[in-house]
Amino acid sequence: SYKIPYDEELEFVEVIDSLSEIYGNSRWDKR
């Protein structure tokens, strides 16, 4: 659980994950 400081009401939508299964790795869930 790595913390990155913010002070806004925000939504973070994953666009690219280098460890995604589509790139030969094992992450399949998009944040």
PDB file of all heavy atoms in Angstrom:
ATOM      1  N   SER A   1       0.857  -1.188   0.000  1.00  0.00           N
ATOM      2  CA  SER A   1       0.000   0.000   0.000  1.00  0.00           C
ATOM      3  C   SER A   1       0.892   1.237   0.000  1.00  0.00           C
ATOM      4  O   SER A   1       1.159   1.819   1.055  1.00  0.00           O
ATOM      5  CB  SER A   1      -0.930   0.001   1.213  1.00  0.00           C
ATOM      6  OG  SER A   1      -1.776   1.124   1.197  1.00  0.00           O
ATOM      7  N   TYR A   2       1.313   1.612  -1.198  1.00  0.00           N
ATOM      8  CA  TYR A   2       2.219   2.750  -1.308  1.00  0.00           C
ATOM      9  C   TYR A   2       1.405   4.039  -1.387  1.00  0.00           C
ATOM     10  O   TYR A   2       0.521   4.189  -2.230  1.00  0.00           O
ATOM     11  CB  TYR A   2       3.110   2.616  -2.552  1.00  0.00           C
ATOM     12  CG  TYR A   2       4.215   3.649  -2.576  1.00  0.00           C
ATOM     13  CD1 TYR A   2       5.398   3.441  -1.885  1.00  0.00           C
ATOM     14  CD2 TYR A   2       4.055   4.849  -3.260  1.00  0.00           C
ATOM     15  CE1 TYR A   2       6.412   4.394  -1.889  1.00  0.00           C
ATOM     16  CE2 TYR A   2       5.053   5.809  -3.277  1.00  0.00           C
ATOM     17  CZ  TYR A   2       6.232   5.578  -2.577  1.00  0.00           C
ATOM     18  OH  TYR A   2       7.211   6.531  -2.571  1.00  0.00           O
ATOM     19  N   LYS A   3       1.729   5.002  -0.514  1.00  0.00           N
ATOM     20  CA  LYS A   3       0.943   6.226  -0.373  1.00  0.00           C
ATOM     21  C   LYS A   3       1.537   7.357  -1.227  1.00  0.00           C
ATOM     22  O   LYS A   3       2.732   7.633  -1.177  1.00  0.00           O
ATOM     23  CB  LYS A   3       0.904   6.678   1.086  1.00  0.00           C
ATOM     24  CG  LYS A   3       0.324   5.641   2.064  1.00  0.00           C
ATOM     25  CD  LYS A   3      -1.142   5.397   1.827  1.00  0.00           C
ATOM     26  CE  LYS A   3      -1.780   4.650   2.991  1.00  0.00           C
ATOM     27  NZ  LYS A   3      -1.160   3.369   3.308  1.00  0.00           N
ATOM     28  N   ILE A   4       0.655   8.004  -1.982  1.00  0.00           N
ATOM     29  CA  ILE A   4       1.013   9.194  -2.757  1.00  0.00           C
ATOM     30  C   ILE A   4       0.095  10.321  -2.328  1.00  0.00           C
ATOM     31  O   ILE A   4      -1.126  10.186  -2.397  1.00  0.00           O
ATOM     32  CB  ILE A   4       0.888   8.932  -4.263  1.00  0.00           C
ATOM     33  CG1 ILE A   4       1.834   7.801  -4.687  1.00  0.00           C
ATOM     34  CG2 ILE A   4       1.198  10.206  -5.065  1.00  0.00           C
ATOM     35  CD1 ILE A   4       1.718   7.405  -6.133  1.00  0.00           C
ATOM     36  N   PRO A   5       0.643  11.419  -1.817  1.00  0.00           N
ATOM     37  CA  PRO A   5      -0.190  12.471  -1.219  1.00  0.00           C
ATOM     38  C   PRO A   5      -1.043  13.225  -2.242  1.00  0.00           C
ATOM     39  O   PRO A   5      -0.558  13.629  -3.300  1.00  0.00           O
ATOM     40  CB  PRO A   5       0.836  13.403  -0.576  1.00  0.00           C
ATOM     41  CG  PRO A   5       2.094  13.193  -1.357  1.00  0.00           C
ATOM     42  CD  PRO A   5       2.077  11.760  -1.765  1.00  0.00           C
ATOM     43  N   TYR A   6      -2.320  13.374  -1.909  1.00  0.00           N
ATOM     44  CA  TYR A   6      -3.254  14.195  -2.685  1.00  0.00           C
ATOM     45  C   TYR A   6      -4.181  14.908  -1.719  1.00  0.00           C
ATOM     46  O   TYR A   6      -4.385  14.469  -0.579  1.00  0.00           O
ATOM     47  CB  TYR A   6      -4.053  13.343  -3.678  1.00  0.00           C
ATOM     48  CG  TYR A   6      -3.362  13.158  -4.998  1.00  0.00           C
ATOM     49  CD1 TYR A   6      -2.589  12.015  -5.228  1.00  0.00           C
ATOM     50  CD2 TYR A   6      -3.454  14.110  -6.002  1.00  0.00           C
ATOM     51  CE1 TYR A   6      -1.945  11.839  -6.447  1.00  0.00           C
ATOM     52  CE2 TYR A   6      -2.795  13.947  -7.209  1.00  0.00           C
ATOM     53  CZ  TYR A   6      -2.044  12.812  -7.435  1.00  0.00           C
ATOM     54  OH  TYR A   6      -1.386  12.643  -8.635  1.00  0.00           O
ATOM     55  N   ASP A   7      -4.769  15.990  -2.177  1.00  0.00           N
ATOM     56  CA  ASP A   7      -5.727  16.733  -1.359  1.00  0.00           C
ATOM     57  C   ASP A   7      -6.896  17.182  -2.236  1.00  0.00           C
ATOM     58  O   ASP A   7      -7.318  18.339  -2.211  1.00  0.00           O
ATOM     59  CB  ASP A   7      -5.052  17.940  -0.697  1.00  0.00           C
ATOM     60  CG  ASP A   7      -5.919  18.568   0.383  1.00  0.00           C
ATOM     61  OD1 ASP A   7      -6.791  17.854   0.914  1.00  0.00           O
ATOM     62  OD2 ASP A   7      -5.744  19.760   0.658  1.00  0.00           O
ATOM     63  N   GLU A   8      -7.389  16.236  -3.035  1.00  0.00           N
ATOM     64  CA  GLU A   8      -8.495  16.524  -3.945  1.00  0.00           C
ATOM     65  C   GLU A   8      -9.427  15.315  -3.990  1.00  0.00           C
ATOM     66  O   GLU A   8      -9.049  14.201  -3.620  1.00  0.00           O
ATOM     67  CB  GLU A   8      -7.975  16.798  -5.354  1.00  0.00           C
ATOM     68  CG  GLU A   8      -6.976  17.917  -5.497  1.00  0.00           C
ATOM     69  CD  GLU A   8      -6.379  17.955  -6.896  1.00  0.00           C
ATOM     70  OE1 GLU A   8      -7.095  18.374  -7.825  1.00  0.00           O
ATOM     71  OE2 GLU A   8      -5.214  17.542  -7.053  1.00  0.00           O
ATOM     72  N   GLU A   9     -10.637  15.563  -4.455  1.00  0.00           N
ATOM     73  CA  GLU A   9     -11.562  14.467  -4.738  1.00  0.00           C
ATOM     74  C   GLU A   9     -11.278  14.002  -6.166  1.00  0.00           C
ATOM     75  O   GLU A   9     -11.593  14.696  -7.133  1.00  0.00           O
ATOM     76  CB  GLU A   9     -13.005  14.934  -4.578  1.00  0.00           C
ATOM     77  CG  GLU A   9     -13.350  15.287  -3.137  1.00  0.00           C
ATOM     78  CD  GLU A   9     -14.698  15.954  -2.997  1.00  0.00           C
ATOM     79  OE1 GLU A   9     -15.265  16.337  -4.045  1.00  0.00           O
ATOM     80  OE2 GLU A   9     -15.174  16.102  -1.868  1.00  0.00           O
ATOM     81  N   LEU A  10     -10.669  12.833  -6.274  1.00  0.00           N
ATOM     82  CA  LEU A  10     -10.153  12.394  -7.564  1.00  0.00           C
ATOM     83  C   LEU A  10     -10.466  10.926  -7.827  1.00  0.00           C
ATOM     84  O   LEU A  10     -10.614  10.126  -6.896  1.00  0.00           O
ATOM     85  CB  LEU A  10      -8.637  12.589  -7.642  1.00  0.00           C
ATOM     86  CG  LEU A  10      -8.110  14.022  -7.545  1.00  0.00           C
ATOM     87  CD1 LEU A  10      -6.601  14.010  -7.449  1.00  0.00           C
ATOM     88  CD2 LEU A  10      -8.577  14.856  -8.726  1.00  0.00           C
ATOM     89  N   GLU A  11     -10.524  10.611  -9.102  1.00  0.00           N
ATOM     90  CA  GLU A  11     -10.647   9.230  -9.545  1.00  0.00           C
ATOM     91  C   GLU A  11      -9.431   8.901 -10.399  1.00  0.00           C
ATOM     92  O   GLU A  11      -9.064   9.671 -11.294  1.00  0.00           O
ATOM     93  CB  GLU A  11     -11.926   9.036 -10.355  1.00  0.00           C
ATOM     94  CG  GLU A  11     -12.128   7.609 -10.843  1.00  0.00           C
ATOM     95  CD  GLU A  11     -13.411   7.438 -11.650  1.00  0.00           C
ATOM     96  OE1 GLU A  11     -14.082   8.462 -11.928  1.00  0.00           O
ATOM     97  OE2 GLU A  11     -13.731   6.285 -12.010  1.00  0.00           O
ATOM     98  N   PHE A  12      -8.799   7.776 -10.135  1.00  0.00           N
ATOM     99  CA  PHE A  12      -7.608   7.339 -10.868  1.00  0.00           C
ATOM    100  C   PHE A  12      -7.960   6.080 -11.667  1.00  0.00           C
ATOM    101  O   PHE A  12      -8.303   5.045 -11.081  1.00  0.00           O
ATOM    102  CB  PHE A  12      -6.465   7.047  -9.903  1.00  0.00           C
ATOM    103  CG  PHE A  12      -5.980   8.262  -9.157  1.00  0.00           C
ATOM    104  CD1 PHE A  12      -6.629   8.680  -7.991  1.00  0.00           C
ATOM    105  CD2 PHE A  12      -4.911   9.001  -9.612  1.00  0.00           C
ATOM    106  CE1 PHE A  12      -6.193   9.800  -7.297  1.00  0.00           C
ATOM    107  CE2 PHE A  12      -4.473  10.121  -8.938  1.00  0.00           C
ATOM    108  CZ  PHE A  12      -5.122  10.529  -7.777  1.00  0.00           C
ATOM    109  N   VAL A  13      -7.870   6.206 -12.985  1.00  0.00           N
ATOM    110  CA  VAL A  13      -8.250   5.110 -13.876  1.00  0.00           C
ATOM    111  C   VAL A  13      -7.003   4.589 -14.586  1.00  0.00           C
ATOM    112  O   VAL A  13      -6.308   5.349 -15.268  1.00  0.00           O
ATOM    113  CB  VAL A  13      -9.289   5.572 -14.913  1.00  0.00           C
ATOM    114  CG1 VAL A  13      -9.688   4.411 -15.823  1.00  0.00           C
ATOM    115  CG2 VAL A  13     -10.520   6.161 -14.220  1.00  0.00           C
ATOM    116  N   GLU A  14      -6.739   3.321 -14.422  1.00  0.00           N
ATOM    117  CA  GLU A  14      -5.542   2.736 -15.030  1.00  0.00           C
ATOM    118  C   GLU A  14      -5.612   2.775 -16.547  1.00  0.00           C
ATOM    119  O   GLU A  14      -6.613   2.389 -17.154  1.00  0.00           O
ATOM    120  CB  GLU A  14      -5.389   1.292 -14.556  1.00  0.00           C
ATOM    121  CG  GLU A  14      -4.171   0.582 -15.122  1.00  0.00           C
ATOM    122  CD  GLU A  14      -4.066  -0.850 -14.636  1.00  0.00           C
ATOM    123  OE1 GLU A  14      -4.095  -1.073 -13.409  1.00  0.00           O
ATOM    124  OE2 GLU A  14      -3.967  -1.736 -15.508  1.00  0.00           O
ATOM    125  N   VAL A  15      -4.534   3.267 -17.146  1.00  0.00           N
ATOM    126  CA  VAL A  15      -4.408   3.302 -18.603  1.00  0.00           C
ATOM    127  C   VAL A  15      -3.404   2.264 -19.081  1.00  0.00           C
ATOM    128  O   VAL A  15      -3.653   1.528 -20.032  1.00  0.00           O
ATOM    129  CB  VAL A  15      -3.982   4.712 -19.069  1.00  0.00           C
ATOM    130  CG1 VAL A  15      -3.788   4.741 -20.583  1.00  0.00           C
ATOM    131  CG2 VAL A  15      -4.995   5.753 -18.638  1.00  0.00           C
ATOM    132  N   ILE A  16      -2.258   2.215 -18.427  1.00  0.00           N
ATOM    133  CA  ILE A  16      -1.219   1.242 -18.773  1.00  0.00           C
ATOM    134  C   ILE A  16      -0.589   0.708 -17.499  1.00  0.00           C
ATOM    135  O   ILE A  16      -0.256   1.478 -16.590  1.00  0.00           O
ATOM    136  CB  ILE A  16      -0.131   1.868 -19.676  1.00  0.00           C
ATOM    137  CG1 ILE A  16      -0.618   1.982 -21.120  1.00  0.00           C
ATOM    138  CG2 ILE A  16       1.155   1.045 -19.649  1.00  0.00           C
ATOM    139  CD1 ILE A  16       0.419   2.469 -22.104  1.00  0.00           C
ATOM    140  N   ASP A  17      -0.447  -0.602 -17.446  1.00  0.00           N
ATOM    141  CA  ASP A  17       0.305  -1.268 -16.374  1.00  0.00           C
ATOM    142  C   ASP A  17       1.317  -2.182 -17.048  1.00  0.00           C
ATOM    143  O   ASP A  17       0.940  -3.085 -17.804  1.00  0.00           O
ATOM    144  CB  ASP A  17      -0.634  -2.073 -15.474  1.00  0.00           C
ATOM    145  CG  ASP A  17       0.074  -2.705 -14.287  1.00  0.00           C
ATOM    146  OD1 ASP A  17       1.323  -2.750 -14.297  1.00  0.00           O
ATOM    147  OD2 ASP A  17      -0.606  -3.153 -13.355  1.00  0.00           O
ATOM    148  N   SER A  18       2.583  -1.963 -16.790  1.00  0.00           N
ATOM    149  CA  SER A  18       3.628  -2.738 -17.472  1.00  0.00           C
ATOM    150  C   SER A  18       3.578  -4.219 -17.129  1.00  0.00           C
ATOM    151  O   SER A  18       4.134  -5.036 -17.869  1.00  0.00           O
ATOM    152  CB  SER A  18       5.009  -2.177 -17.121  1.00  0.00           C
ATOM    153  OG  SER A  18       5.290  -2.355 -15.742  1.00  0.00           O
ATOM    154  N   LEU A  19       2.929  -4.578 -16.011  1.00  0.00           N
ATOM    155  CA  LEU A  19       2.862  -5.981 -15.587  1.00  0.00           C
ATOM    156  C   LEU A  19       1.525  -6.618 -15.934  1.00  0.00           C
ATOM    157  O   LEU A  19       1.179  -7.675 -15.412  1.00  0.00           O
ATOM    158  CB  LEU A  19       3.123  -6.082 -14.079  1.00  0.00           C
ATOM    159  CG  LEU A  19       4.488  -5.572 -13.605  1.00  0.00           C
ATOM    160  CD1 LEU A  19       4.681  -5.836 -12.129  1.00  0.00           C
ATOM    161  CD2 LEU A  19       5.629  -6.185 -14.407  1.00  0.00           C
ATOM    162  N   SER A  20       0.779  -5.988 -16.822  1.00  0.00           N
ATOM    163  CA  SER A  20      -0.509  -6.538 -17.233  1.00  0.00           C
ATOM    164  C   SER A  20      -0.324  -7.856 -17.968  1.00  0.00           C
ATOM    165  O   SER A  20       0.705  -8.093 -18.619  1.00  0.00           O
ATOM    166  CB  SER A  20      -1.231  -5.532 -18.123  1.00  0.00           C
ATOM    167  OG  SER A  20      -2.352  -6.114 -18.737  1.00  0.00           O
ATOM    168  N   GLU A  21      -1.345  -8.694 -17.915  1.00  0.00           N
ATOM    169  CA  GLU A  21      -1.282  -9.981 -18.596  1.00  0.00           C
ATOM    170  C   GLU A  21      -1.164  -9.818 -20.116  1.00  0.00           C
ATOM    171  O   GLU A  21      -0.601 -10.679 -20.795  1.00  0.00           O
ATOM    172  CB  GLU A  21      -2.512 -10.823 -18.255  1.00  0.00           C
ATOM    173  CG  GLU A  21      -3.826 -10.211 -18.704  1.00  0.00           C
ATOM    174  CD  GLU A  21      -5.010 -11.121 -18.430  1.00  0.00           C
ATOM    175  OE1 GLU A  21      -4.783 -12.293 -18.120  1.00  0.00           O
ATOM    176  OE2 GLU A  21      -6.154 -10.645 -18.548  1.00  0.00           O
ATOM    177  N   ILE A  22      -1.665  -8.703 -20.660  1.00  0.00           N
ATOM    178  CA  ILE A  22      -1.568  -8.515 -22.111  1.00  0.00           C
ATOM    179  C   ILE A  22      -0.129  -8.249 -22.545  1.00  0.00           C
ATOM    180  O   ILE A  22       0.185  -8.310 -23.735  1.00  0.00           O
ATOM    181  CB  ILE A  22      -2.490  -7.371 -22.604  1.00  0.00           C
ATOM    182  CG1 ILE A  22      -2.039  -6.027 -22.041  1.00  0.00           C
ATOM    183  CG2 ILE A  22      -3.934  -7.652 -22.270  1.00  0.00           C
ATOM    184  CD1 ILE A  22      -2.791  -4.853 -22.635  1.00  0.00           C
ATOM    185  N   TYR A  23       0.740  -7.969 -21.575  1.00  0.00           N
ATOM    186  CA  TYR A  23       2.165  -7.776 -21.868  1.00  0.00           C
ATOM    187  C   TYR A  23       3.008  -8.918 -21.318  1.00  0.00           C
ATOM    188  O   TYR A  23       4.207  -8.770 -21.088  1.00  0.00           O
ATOM    189  CB  TYR A  23       2.648  -6.446 -21.301  1.00  0.00           C
ATOM    190  CG  TYR A  23       1.824  -5.262 -21.755  1.00  0.00           C
ATOM    191  CD1 TYR A  23       1.302  -4.362 -20.835  1.00  0.00           C
ATOM    192  CD2 TYR A  23       1.543  -5.072 -23.111  1.00  0.00           C
ATOM    193  CE1 TYR A  23       0.532  -3.288 -21.249  1.00  0.00           C
ATOM    194  CE2 TYR A  23       0.763  -4.003 -23.533  1.00  0.00           C
ATOM    195  CZ  TYR A  23       0.264  -3.117 -22.599  1.00  0.00           C
ATOM    196  OH  TYR A  23      -0.511  -2.050 -23.012  1.00  0.00           O
ATOM    197  N   GLY A  24       2.364 -10.057 -21.097  1.00  0.00           N
ATOM    198  CA  GLY A  24       3.097 -11.257 -20.726  1.00  0.00           C
ATOM    199  C   GLY A  24       3.324 -11.444 -19.244  1.00  0.00           C
ATOM    200  O   GLY A  24       4.101 -12.313 -18.850  1.00  0.00           O
ATOM    201  N   ASN A  25       2.633 -10.638 -18.413  1.00  0.00           N
ATOM    202  CA  ASN A  25       2.779 -10.780 -16.960  1.00  0.00           C
ATOM    203  C   ASN A  25       1.459 -11.232 -16.343  1.00  0.00           C
ATOM    204  O   ASN A  25       0.602 -11.775 -17.046  1.00  0.00           O
ATOM    205  CB  ASN A  25       3.288  -9.473 -16.361  1.00  0.00           C
ATOM    206  CG  ASN A  25       4.700  -9.136 -16.844  1.00  0.00           C
ATOM    207  OD1 ASN A  25       4.891  -8.293 -17.716  1.00  0.00           O
ATOM    208  ND2 ASN A  25       5.697  -9.827 -16.307  1.00  0.00           N
ATOM    209  N   SER A  26       1.267 -11.014 -15.056  1.00  0.00           N
ATOM    210  CA  SER A  26       0.163 -11.680 -14.367  1.00  0.00           C
ATOM    211  C   SER A  26      -0.890 -10.749 -13.787  1.00  0.00           C
ATOM    212  O   SER A  26      -1.840 -11.216 -13.167  1.00  0.00           O
ATOM    213  CB  SER A  26       0.728 -12.562 -13.243  1.00  0.00           C
ATOM    214  OG  SER A  26       1.573 -11.799 -12.393  1.00  0.00           O
ATOM    215  N   ARG A  27      -0.761  -9.461 -13.965  1.00  0.00           N
ATOM    216  CA  ARG A  27      -1.812  -8.558 -13.470  1.00  0.00           C
ATOM    217  C   ARG A  27      -2.951  -8.526 -14.468  1.00  0.00           C
ATOM    218  O   ARG A  27      -2.745  -8.272 -15.654  1.00  0.00           O
ATOM    219  CB  ARG A  27      -1.261  -7.152 -13.264  1.00  0.00           C
ATOM    220  CG  ARG A  27      -0.368  -7.021 -12.031  1.00  0.00           C
ATOM    221  CD  ARG A  27      -0.424  -5.617 -11.481  1.00  0.00           C
ATOM    222  NE  ARG A  27      -1.714  -5.321 -10.910  1.00  0.00           N
ATOM    223  CZ  ARG A  27      -1.919  -4.964  -9.644  1.00  0.00           C
ATOM    224  NH1 ARG A  27      -0.913  -4.860  -8.821  1.00  0.00           N
ATOM    225  NH2 ARG A  27      -3.128  -4.708  -9.226  1.00  0.00           N
ATOM    226  N   TRP A  28      -4.162  -8.758 -13.986  1.00  0.00           N
ATOM    227  CA  TRP A  28      -5.307  -8.761 -14.890  1.00  0.00           C
ATOM    228  C   TRP A  28      -6.371  -7.732 -14.502  1.00  0.00           C
ATOM    229  O   TRP A  28      -7.157  -7.291 -15.334  1.00  0.00           O
ATOM    230  CB  TRP A  28      -5.956 -10.148 -14.942  1.00  0.00           C
ATOM    231  CG  TRP A  28      -6.410 -10.641 -13.586  1.00  0.00           C
ATOM    232  CD1 TRP A  28      -5.692 -11.375 -12.698  1.00  0.00           C
ATOM    233  CD2 TRP A  28      -7.686 -10.416 -12.985  1.00  0.00           C
ATOM    234  NE1 TRP A  28      -6.414 -11.637 -11.557  1.00  0.00           N
ATOM    235  CE2 TRP A  28      -7.661 -11.055 -11.710  1.00  0.00           C
ATOM    236  CE3 TRP A  28      -8.852  -9.754 -13.377  1.00  0.00           C
ATOM    237  CZ2 TRP A  28      -8.739 -11.044 -10.840  1.00  0.00           C
ATOM    238  CZ3 TRP A  28      -9.944  -9.743 -12.510  1.00  0.00           C
ATOM    239  CH2 TRP A  28      -9.882 -10.383 -11.265  1.00  0.00           C
ATOM    240  N   ASP A  29      -6.392  -7.334 -13.232  1.00  0.00           N
ATOM    241  CA  ASP A  29      -7.393  -6.372 -12.797  1.00  0.00           C
ATOM    242  C   ASP A  29      -6.917  -4.951 -13.070  1.00  0.00           C
ATOM    243  O   ASP A  29      -5.776  -4.604 -12.769  1.00  0.00           O
ATOM    244  CB  ASP A  29      -7.701  -6.537 -11.308  1.00  0.00           C
ATOM    245  CG  ASP A  29      -6.464  -6.409 -10.438  1.00  0.00           C
ATOM    246  OD1 ASP A  29      -5.401  -6.891 -10.871  1.00  0.00           O
ATOM    247  OD2 ASP A  29      -6.553  -5.796  -9.354  1.00  0.00           O
ATOM    248  N   LYS A  30      -7.779  -4.097 -13.648  1.00  0.00           N
ATOM    249  CA  LYS A  30      -7.438  -2.702 -13.914  1.00  0.00           C
ATOM    250  C   LYS A  30      -7.894  -1.845 -12.744  1.00  0.00           C
ATOM    251  O   LYS A  30      -9.021  -1.964 -12.266  1.00  0.00           O
ATOM    252  CB  LYS A  30      -8.101  -2.227 -15.211  1.00  0.00           C
ATOM    253  CG  LYS A  30      -7.379  -2.688 -16.464  1.00  0.00           C
ATOM    254  CD  LYS A  30      -7.986  -2.009 -17.697  1.00  0.00           C
ATOM    255  CE  LYS A  30      -7.134  -2.257 -18.926  1.00  0.00           C
ATOM    256  NZ  LYS A  30      -5.860  -1.536 -18.894  1.00  0.00           N
ATOM    257  N   ARG A  31      -7.008  -0.976 -12.295  1.00  0.00           N
ATOM    258  CA  ARG A  31      -7.315  -0.122 -11.142  1.00  0.00           C
ATOM    259  C   ARG A  31      -8.311   0.976 -11.530  1.00  0.00           C
ATOM    260  O   ARG A  31      -8.210   1.578 -12.591  1.00  0.00           O
ATOM    261  CB  ARG A  31      -6.042   0.520 -10.593  1.00  0.00           C
ATOM    262  CG  ARG A  31      -4.994  -0.461 -10.088  1.00  0.00           C
ATOM    263  CD  ARG A  31      -3.698   0.291  -9.827  1.00  0.00           C
ATOM    264  NE  ARG A  31      -2.634  -0.520  -9.287  1.00  0.00           N
ATOM    265  CZ  ARG A  31      -1.819  -1.289 -10.006  1.00  0.00           C
ATOM    266  NH1 ARG A  31      -1.976  -1.352 -11.311  1.00  0.00           N
ATOM    267  NH2 ARG A  31      -0.859  -1.985  -9.435  1.00  0.00           N
TER     268      ARG A  31
END
